[in-house]
Amino acid sequence: MFVLAHLTDAHLGPLPRARFAELAGKRALGVLNWRRGRQRRFNIATIDLLVADIKAMAPDHIAVTGDLVNVGLAAEYVTALNFLRTLGEGRDVTVVPGNHDAYIRSTAHHALLNWGDYMRGDGANADVTAESAFPFVRRRNGVALVGVSTAVPTHPFMATGRVGEAQRERLGHVLDGLAAEGLFRVVLIHHPPCGQRAGHKRLIDAEAVRDLLARHGAELVICGHDHVQMVEMLPGPNGGLIPVVEAPSFAAGPEDRHWPGGYHLYRIERVEDARFPWRCTLEARGFGSGDTAVETRTVRVLSTALSGG
C-alpha cells in the first residue's frame, strides 16, 4: 500500500515587509485583500495543527498543489521553502505551482528557483527551465506522480490558469507511457479541470485538458484553488471515469465560513481485479466547524471509478 497526503492553498503568512516600489499594481490589490480578510482566515496556528497531524499519519509521500505564497514577494518564496522543509525532503514531497505562485511576471520564476528540489522529475537536471519543467514524473512504489503547471501571471482581479498546448501535448505522451508501465497515475494540478467557477478563476483551457484526459486517462486527479472539498468525475478511456478531487485550504481555520481547513490522505493498493487493478481510498482529515481537533471528516472508496488507462 502507498499512502499519499495531499494539501493545497496554504497561503503562508504573514506578508513580509516590502518596499513601496514593490507594492504597485496587482500586488497592491493583493496586499489590501490580505489585510482586509485573508490574514484573519489563514494563520500559522492552523497550519501547525495540520502539519502535526500529517506527521502522525506518516504518509509515504506528500503532494502540494500550489498557492504557497500570496502576492509574489521574493521573501515569500523563501518562507514557503522553509515550510516545505518541515514537511520533508524533496524526494518525499512533490509540488506544483498555483496562480498565486506566479502572481506577477517579475517573480513568477522564483517558485522553480526556490522549490526546484520539490518540482523536478526523477533524474531531471537542476537547470531545467520553466518552459520545459512540466509535466514532470516521479515514480514511487507503483504510483506515478505527474506534476502539471497551470501557473501563469495574470492581470489584476484575475486568478485564471492555463496548461498550454505544448504542455498538454507532452502530458498526453507521458500518460500513455505510464499506462504502458502499469502505474497508478496521479495528476497534480492547481486549477480543477472540471466544475463551474467564475470566469476570473477558471482554467482557460479546461475543455482541452478534459479531452486529453478522456483520450489518455489517469487514475486520479488532485487539485485545489477553490478552497473546498469536492469530488467530481470526468470521462476516461474505454467508458471509465476519472476522479477529480479538490482539497480545502490548508490554512483555513476551524471557524472558516467558506470551508474549514484540512487535507486528504489516499491509500492506494493493487487488487486482484481484471478491470480495476487498483483500490484507492480517500480519507478527508481536518477541522469540524468550530472544533480545533483534527479528525477524519469523510472516507470514500474511489476504486470503482478508475479509468484503467
Protein backbone atom coordinates (compact mmCIF):
# COMPACT_ATOMS: atom_id res chain seq x y z
CA MET A 1 0.00 0.00 0.00
CA PHE A 2 1.13 3.52 -0.84
CA VAL A 3 -0.19 6.38 1.31
CA LEU A 4 -0.25 9.83 -0.30
CA ALA A 5 -1.09 13.01 1.61
CA HIS A 6 -2.41 15.96 -0.39
CA LEU A 7 -2.53 19.55 0.79
CA THR A 8 -3.10 22.78 -1.09
CA ASP A 9 -3.54 26.54 -0.82
CA ALA A 10 -1.52 27.17 2.33
CA HIS A 11 -1.21 30.91 1.53
CA LEU A 12 1.62 31.23 4.01
CA GLY A 13 1.70 34.41 6.07
CA PRO A 14 2.33 36.87 7.42
CA LEU A 15 3.28 39.01 4.45
CA PRO A 16 6.91 40.14 4.63
CA ARG A 17 7.86 43.81 4.70
CA ALA A 18 8.13 45.26 1.22
CA ARG A 19 9.46 48.42 -0.39
CA PHE A 20 6.91 50.90 -1.65
CA ALA A 21 8.01 50.23 -5.23
CA GLU A 22 7.13 46.54 -4.80
CA LEU A 23 3.52 47.31 -3.92
CA ALA A 24 2.30 48.73 -7.20
CA GLY A 25 -0.43 47.40 -9.49
CA LYS A 26 -1.82 43.93 -8.88
CA ARG A 27 0.37 43.37 -5.84
CA ALA A 28 -1.14 46.40 -4.07
CA LEU A 29 -4.60 44.92 -4.55
CA GLY A 30 -3.39 41.59 -3.19
CA VAL A 31 -1.93 43.18 -0.07
CA LEU A 32 -5.21 45.01 0.52
CA ASN A 33 -7.13 41.74 0.12
CA TRP A 34 -4.80 40.06 2.61
CA ARG A 35 -5.17 42.78 5.21
CA ARG A 36 -8.94 43.03 4.84
CA GLY A 37 -9.70 39.35 5.15
CA ARG A 38 -7.20 36.63 4.36
CA GLN A 39 -4.84 37.32 7.25
CA ARG A 40 -7.74 36.60 9.61
CA ARG A 41 -8.82 33.46 7.75
CA PHE A 42 -5.36 31.95 7.24
CA ASN A 43 -2.93 31.57 10.13
CA ILE A 44 0.14 29.61 11.13
CA ALA A 45 -1.55 28.01 14.15
CA THR A 46 -3.95 26.22 11.82
CA ILE A 47 -1.09 25.05 9.63
CA ASP A 48 0.92 23.79 12.60
CA LEU A 49 -2.00 21.63 13.77
CA LEU A 50 -2.49 20.10 10.34
CA VAL A 51 1.24 19.51 9.79
CA ALA A 52 1.42 17.70 13.13
CA ASP A 53 -1.48 15.51 12.06
CA ILE A 54 0.14 14.67 8.74
CA LYS A 55 3.32 13.64 10.52
CA ALA A 56 1.28 11.44 12.88
CA MET A 57 -0.33 9.75 9.86
CA ALA A 58 3.17 9.08 8.42
CA PRO A 59 2.31 9.05 4.70
CA ASP A 60 4.78 7.66 2.18
CA HIS A 61 4.68 10.89 0.18
CA ILE A 62 3.15 14.37 0.30
CA ALA A 63 1.69 16.26 -2.67
CA VAL A 64 1.26 20.05 -2.59
CA THR A 65 -0.86 21.61 -5.35
CA GLY A 66 0.14 25.23 -5.18
CA ASP A 67 -0.64 28.66 -3.77
CA LEU A 68 2.05 28.58 -1.11
CA VAL A 69 2.60 32.34 -1.42
CA ASN A 70 0.23 35.29 -1.68
CA VAL A 71 1.47 38.28 -3.69
CA GLY A 72 4.74 37.02 -5.14
CA LEU A 73 7.21 38.89 -2.95
CA ALA A 74 10.67 37.33 -3.17
CA ALA A 75 10.80 36.67 0.58
CA GLU A 76 7.54 34.71 0.41
CA TYR A 77 9.18 32.01 -1.71
CA VAL A 78 11.88 31.55 0.94
CA THR A 79 9.21 31.27 3.64
CA ALA A 80 7.49 28.64 1.52
CA LEU A 81 10.75 26.72 1.08
CA ASN A 82 11.19 26.59 4.84
CA PHE A 83 7.63 25.31 5.15
CA LEU A 84 8.29 22.58 2.58
CA ARG A 85 11.37 21.52 4.51
CA THR A 86 9.19 20.99 7.59
CA LEU A 87 7.15 18.53 5.51
CA GLY A 88 10.14 16.60 4.22
CA GLU A 89 12.98 16.46 1.73
CA GLY A 90 12.49 16.99 -1.97
CA ARG A 91 12.33 13.28 -2.74
CA ASP A 92 9.41 12.86 -0.32
CA VAL A 93 7.35 15.94 -1.21
CA THR A 94 6.09 16.91 -4.68
CA VAL A 95 4.93 20.44 -5.50
CA VAL A 96 3.18 22.09 -8.44
CA PRO A 97 2.60 25.86 -8.55
CA GLY A 98 -0.68 27.74 -8.33
CA ASN A 99 -1.74 31.12 -9.66
CA HIS A 100 -0.52 32.97 -6.55
CA ASP A 101 2.91 31.38 -7.03
CA ALA A 102 3.09 33.18 -10.40
CA TYR A 103 1.34 36.30 -9.11
CA ILE A 104 3.33 38.78 -11.18
CA ARG A 105 5.65 38.22 -14.10
CA SER A 106 8.81 39.60 -12.47
CA THR A 107 8.88 36.97 -9.70
CA ALA A 108 6.99 34.08 -11.33
CA HIS A 109 10.28 32.21 -11.82
CA HIS A 110 11.00 32.24 -8.08
CA ALA A 111 8.85 29.16 -7.46
CA LEU A 112 11.06 26.91 -9.58
CA LEU A 113 14.18 28.77 -8.45
CA ASN A 114 13.48 28.16 -4.75
CA TRP A 115 11.48 24.93 -4.79
CA GLY A 116 13.26 23.12 -7.61
CA ASP A 117 14.09 20.08 -5.47
CA TYR A 118 10.34 19.59 -4.97
CA MET A 119 9.32 20.31 -8.57
CA ARG A 120 11.58 18.09 -10.67
CA GLY A 121 11.03 14.66 -12.12
CA ASP A 122 13.20 11.67 -11.33
CA GLY A 123 16.66 12.24 -12.76
CA ALA A 124 15.92 15.75 -14.07
CA ASN A 125 18.73 18.30 -14.23
CA ALA A 126 18.80 21.12 -11.70
CA ASP A 127 18.98 23.72 -14.51
CA VAL A 128 15.61 22.80 -16.06
CA THR A 129 13.71 25.85 -17.33
CA ALA A 130 10.13 26.82 -16.52
CA GLU A 131 9.12 26.18 -20.14
CA SER A 132 10.35 22.58 -20.07
CA ALA A 133 9.84 21.73 -16.39
CA PHE A 134 6.27 20.48 -16.78
CA PRO A 135 4.88 17.95 -16.84
CA PHE A 136 7.33 16.04 -14.69
CA VAL A 137 7.06 12.49 -13.35
CA ARG A 138 8.07 10.84 -10.10
CA ARG A 139 7.66 7.09 -9.68
CA ARG A 140 7.02 5.82 -6.17
CA ASN A 141 6.11 2.20 -5.36
CA GLY A 142 3.84 1.63 -8.35
CA VAL A 143 2.42 5.16 -8.29
CA ALA A 144 3.35 7.83 -10.84
CA LEU A 145 3.07 11.43 -9.63
CA VAL A 146 2.58 13.67 -12.67
CA GLY A 147 3.19 17.37 -12.00
CA VAL A 148 1.31 19.81 -14.23
CA SER A 149 1.56 23.60 -14.08
CA THR A 150 -1.36 25.97 -14.62
CA ALA A 151 0.53 28.92 -13.10
CA VAL A 152 0.73 31.93 -15.42
CA PRO A 153 0.96 35.63 -14.49
CA THR A 154 -2.37 37.39 -14.94
CA HIS A 155 -3.84 40.89 -14.87
CA PRO A 156 -5.35 42.43 -11.72
CA PHE A 157 -8.56 40.79 -10.50
CA MET A 158 -7.74 37.62 -12.45
CA ALA A 159 -6.86 34.20 -10.99
CA THR A 160 -7.05 32.13 -14.15
CA GLY A 161 -4.70 29.33 -15.13
CA ARG A 162 -3.56 27.67 -18.32
CA VAL A 163 -1.81 24.40 -19.12
CA GLY A 164 -0.99 25.42 -22.68
CA GLU A 165 -0.78 23.46 -25.91
CA ALA A 166 2.87 22.43 -25.63
CA GLN A 167 2.49 21.12 -22.08
CA ARG A 168 -0.74 19.31 -22.99
CA GLU A 169 0.99 17.55 -25.87
CA ARG A 170 3.81 16.39 -23.61
CA LEU A 171 1.30 15.34 -20.95
CA GLY A 172 -0.53 13.07 -23.37
CA HIS A 173 2.69 11.21 -24.22
CA VAL A 174 3.60 10.97 -20.53
CA LEU A 175 0.24 9.48 -19.54
CA ASP A 176 0.39 6.93 -22.35
CA GLY A 177 3.87 5.83 -21.33
CA LEU A 178 2.92 5.46 -17.67
CA ALA A 179 -0.17 3.45 -18.61
CA ALA A 180 2.06 1.07 -20.56
CA GLU A 181 4.15 0.64 -17.39
CA GLY A 182 1.03 -0.33 -15.45
CA LEU A 183 1.40 2.51 -12.95
CA PHE A 184 -1.30 4.29 -10.94
CA ARG A 185 -1.23 7.79 -12.45
CA VAL A 186 -1.90 10.72 -10.12
CA VAL A 187 -2.09 14.09 -11.87
CA LEU A 188 -1.21 17.07 -9.65
CA ILE A 189 -2.70 20.33 -10.92
CA HIS A 190 -3.73 23.54 -9.15
CA HIS A 191 -6.79 24.63 -11.15
CA PRO A 192 -9.54 21.98 -11.36
CA PRO A 193 -10.21 20.91 -14.96
CA CYS A 194 -13.93 20.44 -14.28
CA GLY A 195 -16.79 22.09 -12.41
CA GLN A 196 -18.25 25.57 -12.60
CA ARG A 197 -16.49 28.70 -11.31
CA ALA A 198 -16.38 32.40 -12.07
CA GLY A 199 -14.63 33.40 -15.27
CA HIS A 200 -11.84 35.20 -13.46
CA LYS A 201 -10.90 31.97 -11.61
CA ARG A 202 -11.26 29.39 -14.36
CA LEU A 203 -8.76 27.12 -16.07
CA ILE A 204 -8.78 28.71 -19.51
CA ASP A 205 -8.08 25.51 -21.44
CA ALA A 206 -10.12 23.24 -19.17
CA GLU A 207 -12.04 21.74 -22.09
CA ALA A 208 -8.83 20.78 -23.86
CA VAL A 209 -7.48 19.24 -20.64
CA ARG A 210 -10.68 17.23 -20.18
CA ASP A 211 -10.45 15.99 -23.76
CA LEU A 212 -6.84 14.97 -23.17
CA LEU A 213 -7.73 13.02 -20.04
CA ALA A 214 -10.61 11.33 -21.85
CA ARG A 215 -8.18 10.09 -24.50
CA HIS A 216 -5.12 9.23 -22.43
CA GLY A 217 -6.55 8.51 -18.97
CA ALA A 218 -5.40 8.88 -15.38
CA GLU A 219 -6.38 7.06 -12.23
CA LEU A 220 -6.70 10.21 -10.08
CA VAL A 221 -6.51 14.00 -10.46
CA ILE A 222 -5.86 16.08 -7.32
CA CYS A 223 -6.17 19.86 -7.19
CA GLY A 224 -7.10 22.91 -5.12
CA HIS A 225 -7.76 26.57 -5.93
CA ASP A 226 -11.38 26.80 -4.73
CA HIS A 227 -10.63 26.18 -1.01
CA VAL A 228 -13.34 23.50 -0.77
CA GLN A 229 -13.53 19.72 -0.65
CA MET A 230 -15.11 18.31 -3.77
CA VAL A 231 -15.15 15.04 -5.72
CA GLU A 232 -16.18 15.08 -9.38
CA MET A 233 -15.85 12.56 -12.18
CA LEU A 234 -14.50 13.04 -15.67
CA PRO A 235 -14.95 10.62 -18.58
CA GLY A 236 -11.89 8.45 -19.15
CA PRO A 237 -10.89 5.99 -21.86
CA ASN A 238 -12.99 2.89 -22.52
CA GLY A 239 -16.05 4.22 -20.72
CA GLY A 240 -14.26 4.64 -17.40
CA LEU A 241 -14.38 7.58 -15.02
CA ILE A 242 -11.53 9.62 -13.55
CA PRO A 243 -11.96 11.03 -10.02
CA VAL A 244 -11.05 14.71 -9.72
CA VAL A 245 -10.65 15.63 -6.05
CA GLU A 246 -10.26 19.14 -4.63
CA ALA A 247 -8.89 19.65 -1.13
CA PRO A 248 -9.75 22.65 1.07
CA SER A 249 -7.26 25.34 2.03
CA PHE A 250 -4.55 24.04 4.34
CA ALA A 251 -4.56 27.37 6.20
CA ALA A 252 -8.28 27.88 6.83
CA GLY A 253 -9.20 27.74 10.49
CA PRO A 254 -11.96 25.78 12.25
CA GLU A 255 -14.24 28.83 12.19
CA ASP A 256 -13.85 29.44 8.46
CA ARG A 257 -17.28 30.02 6.94
CA HIS A 258 -16.11 29.03 3.46
CA TRP A 259 -14.70 25.61 4.40
CA PRO A 260 -12.66 24.62 7.48
CA GLY A 261 -9.06 23.70 6.80
CA GLY A 262 -7.89 20.18 6.07
CA TYR A 263 -6.04 17.81 3.80
CA HIS A 264 -6.55 14.43 2.12
CA LEU A 265 -5.00 11.00 2.54
CA TYR A 266 -5.09 8.46 -0.30
CA ARG A 267 -4.41 4.79 0.34
CA ILE A 268 -3.53 3.16 -2.96
CA GLU A 269 -3.05 -0.59 -3.36
CA ARG A 270 -3.12 -3.22 -6.06
CA VAL A 271 -6.01 -5.68 -6.05
CA GLU A 272 -6.82 -8.85 -7.96
CA ASP A 273 -9.38 -7.45 -10.37
CA ALA A 274 -9.12 -7.79 -14.12
CA ARG A 275 -10.87 -4.49 -14.84
CA PHE A 276 -9.84 -2.35 -11.84
CA PRO A 277 -6.38 -3.46 -10.67
CA TRP A 278 -6.19 -0.71 -8.04
CA ARG A 279 -8.11 0.31 -4.96
CA CYS A 280 -7.90 3.95 -3.90
CA THR A 281 -9.49 5.14 -0.67
CA LEU A 282 -9.83 8.84 0.13
CA GLU A 283 -9.77 9.95 3.76
CA ALA A 284 -10.50 13.65 4.28
CA ARG A 285 -8.99 14.93 7.52
CA GLY A 286 -9.43 18.36 9.03
CA PHE A 287 -11.41 20.54 11.36
CA GLY A 288 -15.08 20.29 12.14
CA SER A 289 -16.91 23.60 12.33
CA GLY A 290 -15.50 25.43 15.36
CA ASP A 291 -13.51 22.40 16.56
CA THR A 292 -9.72 22.65 16.76
CA ALA A 293 -9.27 18.86 16.82
CA VAL A 294 -8.04 17.39 13.53
CA GLU A 295 -10.06 14.29 12.73
CA THR A 296 -11.43 12.17 9.90
CA ARG A 297 -14.27 14.02 8.20
CA THR A 298 -15.17 11.55 5.43
CA VAL A 299 -13.92 8.30 3.89
CA ARG A 300 -14.69 7.36 0.31
CA VAL A 301 -13.58 4.47 -1.89
CA LEU A 302 -12.69 5.67 -5.38
CA SER A 303 -11.63 2.35 -6.92
CA THR A 304 -14.90 1.71 -8.78
CA ALA A 305 -14.32 4.88 -10.79
CA LEU A 306 -10.82 4.18 -12.08
CA SER A 307 -10.31 4.63 -15.79
CA GLY A 308 -7.86 1.79 -16.26
CA GLY A 309 -5.99 3.73 -18.97
